[in-house]
Amino acid sequence: MKKLPYLLIAIRFFIAPVVILLSYFKGGDSRSSILILMYIGLLTDIFDGIIARKTGVSSEKLRRLDSQTDLIFWLSLGVSSYILYPEMIKNEWEGILLIFIMEALCYMVSLWKFGKETCTHAFLAKMWGLSLLIAFTYLIGFQEIGWAFYIAIGLGLISHIDVILIILLLPKWQYDVPSSYHAWKIRNGKRRKKTIFFN
């Protein structure tokens, strides 16, 4: 059981190139397979942290590996979407560029302050992940960009602002900080109770 979180992260990591290859070589015929892999990837993301905390193996190394794998996983779905529907993605380049800029800012601020990448696993970031799931389901499954896409962009902006605030408020680098409010409490010397199901 203690190795299971690493296995789940590895599964999500290997899903990333598979969805890109499927979209490139099979085109529209790969849509169902990509969606199935995306939902499998989400389940691995949910349970790796829960199992790690339940078995007592949640560590900085594991959580940082989880964060970087999440980034690769979602980027692969973005690349896959572009391969399948390039014109639809190009038409929404402003919102997509905004998210890339915010993601880069999070890394830059964290590297500037702490010398390592961010790894907050914040609540709003988790909500953004769910919105991405819905947006990619509509885009890849139904060839639609609409309310789901715009909600994902909005939540992405808000969640990245929250992460930047967490980084700025924390007196020292930490992983698994649910929100900027919790970071403010940590800054003021208040201890935070952790749970198995969330951070």
C-alpha atoms as a PDB file:
ATOM      1  CA  MET A   1       0.000   0.000   0.000  1.00  0.00           C
ATOM      2  CA  LYS A   2       2.856   2.403   0.731  1.00  0.00           C
ATOM      3  CA  LYS A   3       4.058   2.135  -2.871  1.00  0.00           C
ATOM      4  CA  LEU A   4       0.574   2.594  -4.335  1.00  0.00           C
ATOM      5  CA  PRO A   5       0.674   6.443  -4.380  1.00  0.00           C
ATOM      6  CA  TYR A   6       3.843   6.311  -6.491  1.00  0.00           C
ATOM      7  CA  LEU A   7       2.201   3.788  -8.816  1.00  0.00           C
ATOM      8  CA  LEU A   8      -0.857   6.025  -9.245  1.00  0.00           C
ATOM      9  CA  ILE A   9       1.372   9.014 -10.051  1.00  0.00           C
ATOM     10  CA  ALA A  10       3.297   6.886 -12.566  1.00  0.00           C
ATOM     11  CA  ILE A  11       0.046   5.843 -14.258  1.00  0.00           C
ATOM     12  CA  ARG A  12      -0.948   9.493 -14.656  1.00  0.00           C
ATOM     13  CA  PHE A  13       2.512  10.324 -15.996  1.00  0.00           C
ATOM     14  CA  PHE A  14       2.339   7.611 -18.673  1.00  0.00           C
ATOM     15  CA  ILE A  15      -1.208   8.584 -19.650  1.00  0.00           C
ATOM     16  CA  ALA A  16       0.149  11.954 -20.839  1.00  0.00           C
ATOM     17  CA  PRO A  17       2.135  10.764 -23.895  1.00  0.00           C
ATOM     18  CA  VAL A  18      -0.501   8.144 -24.693  1.00  0.00           C
ATOM     19  CA  VAL A  19      -3.284  10.731 -25.167  1.00  0.00           C
ATOM     20  CA  ILE A  20      -1.018  12.822 -27.397  1.00  0.00           C
ATOM     21  CA  LEU A  21      -0.099   9.809 -29.527  1.00  0.00           C
ATOM     22  CA  LEU A  22      -3.739   8.727 -29.758  1.00  0.00           C
ATOM     23  CA  SER A  23      -4.882  12.151 -30.932  1.00  0.00           C
ATOM     24  CA  TYR A  24      -2.020  12.401 -33.435  1.00  0.00           C
ATOM     25  CA  PHE A  25      -2.320   8.960 -35.011  1.00  0.00           C
ATOM     26  CA  LYS A  26      -6.038   8.219 -34.638  1.00  0.00           C
ATOM     27  CA  GLY A  27      -7.508  11.725 -34.791  1.00  0.00           C
ATOM     28  CA  GLY A  28     -11.202  11.997 -34.021  1.00  0.00           C
ATOM     29  CA  ASP A  29     -11.502   8.231 -33.591  1.00  0.00           C
ATOM     30  CA  SER A  30      -9.477   8.541 -30.376  1.00  0.00           C
ATOM     31  CA  ARG A  31     -11.890  10.841 -28.549  1.00  0.00           C
ATOM     32  CA  SER A  32     -13.553   8.185 -26.402  1.00  0.00           C
ATOM     33  CA  SER A  33     -10.218   6.607 -25.473  1.00  0.00           C
ATOM     34  CA  ILE A  34      -8.758   9.983 -24.510  1.00  0.00           C
ATOM     35  CA  LEU A  35     -11.755  10.805 -22.318  1.00  0.00           C
ATOM     36  CA  ILE A  36     -11.535   7.437 -20.556  1.00  0.00           C
ATOM     37  CA  LEU A  37      -7.821   7.970 -19.902  1.00  0.00           C
ATOM     38  CA  MET A  38      -8.518  11.499 -18.662  1.00  0.00           C
ATOM     39  CA  TYR A  39     -11.009  10.237 -16.079  1.00  0.00           C
ATOM     40  CA  ILE A  40      -8.633   7.455 -15.032  1.00  0.00           C
ATOM     41  CA  GLY A  41      -5.954  10.107 -14.595  1.00  0.00           C
ATOM     42  CA  LEU A  42      -8.258  12.192 -12.424  1.00  0.00           C
ATOM     43  CA  LEU A  43      -9.035   9.195 -10.201  1.00  0.00           C
ATOM     44  CA  THR A  44      -5.312   8.528  -9.729  1.00  0.00           C
ATOM     45  CA  ASP A  45      -4.887  12.179  -8.753  1.00  0.00           C
ATOM     46  CA  ILE A  46      -7.646  11.970  -6.148  1.00  0.00           C
ATOM     47  CA  PHE A  47      -6.522   8.745  -4.547  1.00  0.00           C
ATOM     48  CA  ASP A  48      -2.741   9.113  -4.567  1.00  0.00           C
ATOM     49  CA  GLY A  49      -2.863  11.840  -1.918  1.00  0.00           C
ATOM     50  CA  ILE A  50      -5.559  10.158   0.171  1.00  0.00           C
ATOM     51  CA  ILE A  51      -3.704   6.845   0.218  1.00  0.00           C
ATOM     52  CA  ALA A  52      -0.376   8.549   0.921  1.00  0.00           C
ATOM     53  CA  ARG A  53      -1.798  10.355   3.950  1.00  0.00           C
ATOM     54  CA  LYS A  54      -3.644   7.240   5.152  1.00  0.00           C
ATOM     55  CA  THR A  55      -0.497   5.101   4.984  1.00  0.00           C
ATOM     56  CA  GLY A  56       1.780   7.820   6.359  1.00  0.00           C
ATOM     57  CA  VAL A  57       4.000   8.144   3.270  1.00  0.00           C
ATOM     58  CA  SER A  58       2.962  11.671   2.280  1.00  0.00           C
ATOM     59  CA  SER A  59       6.226  13.567   1.971  1.00  0.00           C
ATOM     60  CA  GLU A  60       7.717  16.579   0.239  1.00  0.00           C
ATOM     61  CA  LYS A  61       9.214  14.344  -2.461  1.00  0.00           C
ATOM     62  CA  LEU A  62       5.904  12.615  -3.163  1.00  0.00           C
ATOM     63  CA  ARG A  63       3.838  15.797  -3.211  1.00  0.00           C
ATOM     64  CA  ARG A  64       6.305  17.604  -5.488  1.00  0.00           C
ATOM     65  CA  LEU A  65       6.287  14.629  -7.846  1.00  0.00           C
ATOM     66  CA  ASP A  66       2.493  14.693  -7.771  1.00  0.00           C
ATOM     67  CA  SER A  67       2.380  18.414  -8.640  1.00  0.00           C
ATOM     68  CA  GLN A  68       4.750  18.138 -11.583  1.00  0.00           C
ATOM     69  CA  THR A  69       2.903  15.086 -12.904  1.00  0.00           C
ATOM     70  CA  ASP A  70      -0.378  17.021 -12.694  1.00  0.00           C
ATOM     71  CA  LEU A  71       1.149  19.757 -14.840  1.00  0.00           C
ATOM     72  CA  ILE A  72       2.334  17.249 -17.459  1.00  0.00           C
ATOM     73  CA  PHE A  73      -1.025  15.451 -17.417  1.00  0.00           C
ATOM     74  CA  TRP A  74      -3.142  18.556 -18.046  1.00  0.00           C
ATOM     75  CA  LEU A  75      -0.689  19.944 -20.604  1.00  0.00           C
ATOM     76  CA  SER A  76      -0.930  16.691 -22.551  1.00  0.00           C
ATOM     77  CA  LEU A  77      -4.705  17.065 -22.730  1.00  0.00           C
ATOM     78  CA  GLY A  78      -4.246  20.626 -23.972  1.00  0.00           C
ATOM     79  CA  VAL A  79      -1.823  19.448 -26.666  1.00  0.00           C
ATOM     80  CA  SER A  80      -4.201  16.642 -27.599  1.00  0.00           C
ATOM     81  CA  SER A  81      -7.070  19.130 -27.916  1.00  0.00           C
ATOM     82  CA  TYR A  82      -4.950  21.323 -30.170  1.00  0.00           C
ATOM     83  CA  ILE A  83      -4.083  18.360 -32.400  1.00  0.00           C
ATOM     84  CA  LEU A  84      -7.755  17.414 -32.694  1.00  0.00           C
ATOM     85  CA  TYR A  85      -9.252  20.913 -32.992  1.00  0.00           C
ATOM     86  CA  PRO A  86      -6.546  23.481 -33.830  1.00  0.00           C
ATOM     87  CA  GLU A  87      -8.906  26.184 -35.045  1.00  0.00           C
ATOM     88  CA  MET A  88     -11.080  26.029 -31.932  1.00  0.00           C
ATOM     89  CA  ILE A  89      -8.017  26.358 -29.702  1.00  0.00           C
ATOM     90  CA  LYS A  90      -6.580  29.220 -31.769  1.00  0.00           C
ATOM     91  CA  ASN A  91      -9.860  31.127 -31.454  1.00  0.00           C
ATOM     92  CA  GLU A  92      -9.490  31.099 -27.662  1.00  0.00           C
ATOM     93  CA  TRP A  93      -5.766  31.920 -27.514  1.00  0.00           C
ATOM     94  CA  GLU A  94      -6.217  34.941 -25.195  1.00  0.00           C
ATOM     95  CA  GLY A  95      -7.701  32.938 -22.321  1.00  0.00           C
ATOM     96  CA  ILE A  96      -5.238  30.087 -22.799  1.00  0.00           C
ATOM     97  CA  LEU A  97      -2.293  32.516 -22.862  1.00  0.00           C
ATOM     98  CA  LEU A  98      -3.554  34.109 -19.641  1.00  0.00           C
ATOM     99  CA  ILE A  99      -3.466  30.731 -17.859  1.00  0.00           C
ATOM    100  CA  PHE A 100       0.049  30.012 -19.140  1.00  0.00           C
ATOM    101  CA  ILE A 101       1.218  33.410 -17.888  1.00  0.00           C
ATOM    102  CA  MET A 102      -0.348  32.839 -14.467  1.00  0.00           C
ATOM    103  CA  GLU A 103       1.189  29.367 -14.219  1.00  0.00           C
ATOM    104  CA  ALA A 104       4.592  30.793 -15.095  1.00  0.00           C
ATOM    105  CA  LEU A 105       4.152  33.555 -12.501  1.00  0.00           C
ATOM    106  CA  CYS A 106       3.432  30.980  -9.787  1.00  0.00           C
ATOM    107  CA  TYR A 107       6.671  29.187 -10.590  1.00  0.00           C
ATOM    108  CA  MET A 108       8.673  32.396 -10.865  1.00  0.00           C
ATOM    109  CA  VAL A 109       7.438  33.797  -7.545  1.00  0.00           C
ATOM    110  CA  SER A 110       8.029  30.496  -5.746  1.00  0.00           C
ATOM    111  CA  LEU A 111      11.511  30.054  -7.217  1.00  0.00           C
ATOM    112  CA  TRP A 112      12.352  33.674  -6.353  1.00  0.00           C
ATOM    113  CA  LYS A 113      11.197  33.368  -2.742  1.00  0.00           C
ATOM    114  CA  PHE A 114      11.997  29.753  -1.852  1.00  0.00           C
ATOM    115  CA  GLY A 115      14.281  28.425  -4.575  1.00  0.00           C
ATOM    116  CA  LYS A 116      11.872  25.612  -5.471  1.00  0.00           C
ATOM    117  CA  GLU A 117       8.613  25.212  -7.330  1.00  0.00           C
ATOM    118  CA  THR A 118       5.216  25.669  -5.736  1.00  0.00           C
ATOM    119  CA  CYS A 119       3.409  22.623  -4.347  1.00  0.00           C
ATOM    120  CA  THR A 120       0.373  23.967  -2.495  1.00  0.00           C
ATOM    121  CA  HIS A 121      -2.359  21.568  -3.695  1.00  0.00           C
ATOM    122  CA  ALA A 122      -4.744  24.359  -2.729  1.00  0.00           C
ATOM    123  CA  PHE A 123      -8.521  23.933  -2.599  1.00  0.00           C
ATOM    124  CA  LEU A 124      -9.166  26.378  -5.462  1.00  0.00           C
ATOM    125  CA  ALA A 125      -6.570  24.584  -7.583  1.00  0.00           C
ATOM    126  CA  LYS A 126      -8.467  21.330  -6.996  1.00  0.00           C
ATOM    127  CA  MET A 127     -11.689  23.042  -8.079  1.00  0.00           C
ATOM    128  CA  TRP A 128      -9.888  24.327 -11.157  1.00  0.00           C
ATOM    129  CA  GLY A 129      -8.837  20.757 -11.939  1.00  0.00           C
ATOM    130  CA  LEU A 130     -12.471  19.666 -11.852  1.00  0.00           C
ATOM    131  CA  SER A 131     -13.442  22.554 -14.132  1.00  0.00           C
ATOM    132  CA  LEU A 132     -10.685  21.498 -16.555  1.00  0.00           C
ATOM    133  CA  LEU A 133     -12.129  17.992 -16.545  1.00  0.00           C
ATOM    134  CA  ILE A 134     -15.541  19.337 -17.548  1.00  0.00           C
ATOM    135  CA  ALA A 135     -14.070  21.715 -20.135  1.00  0.00           C
ATOM    136  CA  PHE A 136     -12.003  18.975 -21.786  1.00  0.00           C
ATOM    137  CA  THR A 137     -14.999  16.634 -21.715  1.00  0.00           C
ATOM    138  CA  TYR A 138     -17.038  19.180 -23.680  1.00  0.00           C
ATOM    139  CA  LEU A 139     -14.170  20.039 -26.015  1.00  0.00           C
ATOM    140  CA  ILE A 140     -12.855  16.556 -26.795  1.00  0.00           C
ATOM    141  CA  GLY A 141     -16.127  14.666 -26.425  1.00  0.00           C
ATOM    142  CA  PHE A 142     -18.591  17.115 -27.969  1.00  0.00           C
ATOM    143  CA  GLN A 143     -16.368  19.547 -29.909  1.00  0.00           C
ATOM    144  CA  GLU A 144     -17.751  22.458 -27.926  1.00  0.00           C
ATOM    145  CA  ILE A 145     -16.133  25.490 -26.344  1.00  0.00           C
ATOM    146  CA  GLY A 146     -18.624  27.337 -24.208  1.00  0.00           C
ATOM    147  CA  TRP A 147     -19.542  27.906 -20.593  1.00  0.00           C
ATOM    148  CA  ALA A 148     -17.326  25.066 -19.330  1.00  0.00           C
ATOM    149  CA  PHE A 149     -14.239  26.517 -21.022  1.00  0.00           C
ATOM    150  CA  TYR A 150     -14.873  30.038 -19.714  1.00  0.00           C
ATOM    151  CA  ILE A 151     -15.520  28.790 -16.170  1.00  0.00           C
ATOM    152  CA  ALA A 152     -12.218  26.889 -16.357  1.00  0.00           C
ATOM    153  CA  ILE A 153     -10.390  30.043 -17.468  1.00  0.00           C
ATOM    154  CA  GLY A 154     -12.006  32.107 -14.692  1.00  0.00           C
ATOM    155  CA  LEU A 155     -11.276  29.526 -11.994  1.00  0.00           C
ATOM    156  CA  GLY A 156      -7.766  29.133 -13.351  1.00  0.00           C
ATOM    157  CA  LEU A 157      -7.116  32.845 -12.929  1.00  0.00           C
ATOM    158  CA  ILE A 158      -8.563  32.934  -9.402  1.00  0.00           C
ATOM    159  CA  SER A 159      -6.752  29.769  -8.269  1.00  0.00           C
ATOM    160  CA  HIS A 160      -3.401  31.030  -9.551  1.00  0.00           C
ATOM    161  CA  ILE A 161      -3.863  34.329  -7.723  1.00  0.00           C
ATOM    162  CA  ASP A 162      -4.590  32.309  -4.571  1.00  0.00           C
ATOM    163  CA  VAL A 163      -1.410  30.262  -5.051  1.00  0.00           C
ATOM    164  CA  ILE A 164       0.688  33.405  -5.514  1.00  0.00           C
ATOM    165  CA  LEU A 165      -0.785  34.831  -2.310  1.00  0.00           C
ATOM    166  CA  ILE A 166       0.007  31.572  -0.498  1.00  0.00           C
ATOM    167  CA  ILE A 167       3.622  31.783  -1.637  1.00  0.00           C
ATOM    168  CA  LEU A 168       3.952  35.413  -0.604  1.00  0.00           C
ATOM    169  CA  LEU A 169       2.353  34.839   2.803  1.00  0.00           C
ATOM    170  CA  LEU A 170       4.211  31.684   3.818  1.00  0.00           C
ATOM    171  CA  PRO A 171       7.274  32.392   5.987  1.00  0.00           C
ATOM    172  CA  LYS A 172       8.950  29.250   4.614  1.00  0.00           C
ATOM    173  CA  TRP A 173       8.230  26.772   1.820  1.00  0.00           C
ATOM    174  CA  GLN A 174       5.526  24.237   2.585  1.00  0.00           C
ATOM    175  CA  TYR A 175       3.472  21.765   0.618  1.00  0.00           C
ATOM    176  CA  ASP A 176      -0.270  21.090   0.943  1.00  0.00           C
ATOM    177  CA  VAL A 177      -1.542  24.530   1.983  1.00  0.00           C
ATOM    178  CA  PRO A 178      -5.303  24.728   1.290  1.00  0.00           C
ATOM    179  CA  SER A 179      -5.651  28.491   0.728  1.00  0.00           C
ATOM    180  CA  SER A 180      -4.130  31.935   1.190  1.00  0.00           C
ATOM    181  CA  TYR A 181      -6.217  32.216   4.362  1.00  0.00           C
ATOM    182  CA  HIS A 182      -4.458  29.157   5.774  1.00  0.00           C
ATOM    183  CA  ALA A 183      -1.113  30.610   4.678  1.00  0.00           C
ATOM    184  CA  TRP A 184      -1.955  33.788   6.581  1.00  0.00           C
ATOM    185  CA  LYS A 185      -2.760  31.720   9.685  1.00  0.00           C
ATOM    186  CA  ILE A 186       0.545  29.846   9.343  1.00  0.00           C
ATOM    187  CA  ARG A 187       2.358  33.169   9.002  1.00  0.00           C
ATOM    188  CA  ASN A 188       0.802  34.236  12.303  1.00  0.00           C
ATOM    189  CA  GLY A 189       1.986  31.091  14.063  1.00  0.00           C
ATOM    190  CA  LYS A 190      -1.297  29.209  14.105  1.00  0.00           C
ATOM    191  CA  ARG A 191      -1.178  25.450  13.575  1.00  0.00           C
ATOM    192  CA  ARG A 192      -3.387  23.859  10.953  1.00  0.00           C
ATOM    193  CA  LYS A 193      -5.157  20.554  11.479  1.00  0.00           C
ATOM    194  CA  LYS A 194      -4.560  18.205   8.537  1.00  0.00           C
ATOM    195  CA  THR A 195      -7.050  15.618   7.294  1.00  0.00           C
ATOM    196  CA  ILE A 196      -6.709  12.370   5.377  1.00  0.00           C
ATOM    197  CA  PHE A 197      -9.071  13.461   2.605  1.00  0.00           C
ATOM    198  CA  PHE A 198      -7.733  16.972   2.076  1.00  0.00           C
ATOM    199  CA  ASN A 199      -4.143  18.036   2.713  1.00  0.00           C
END
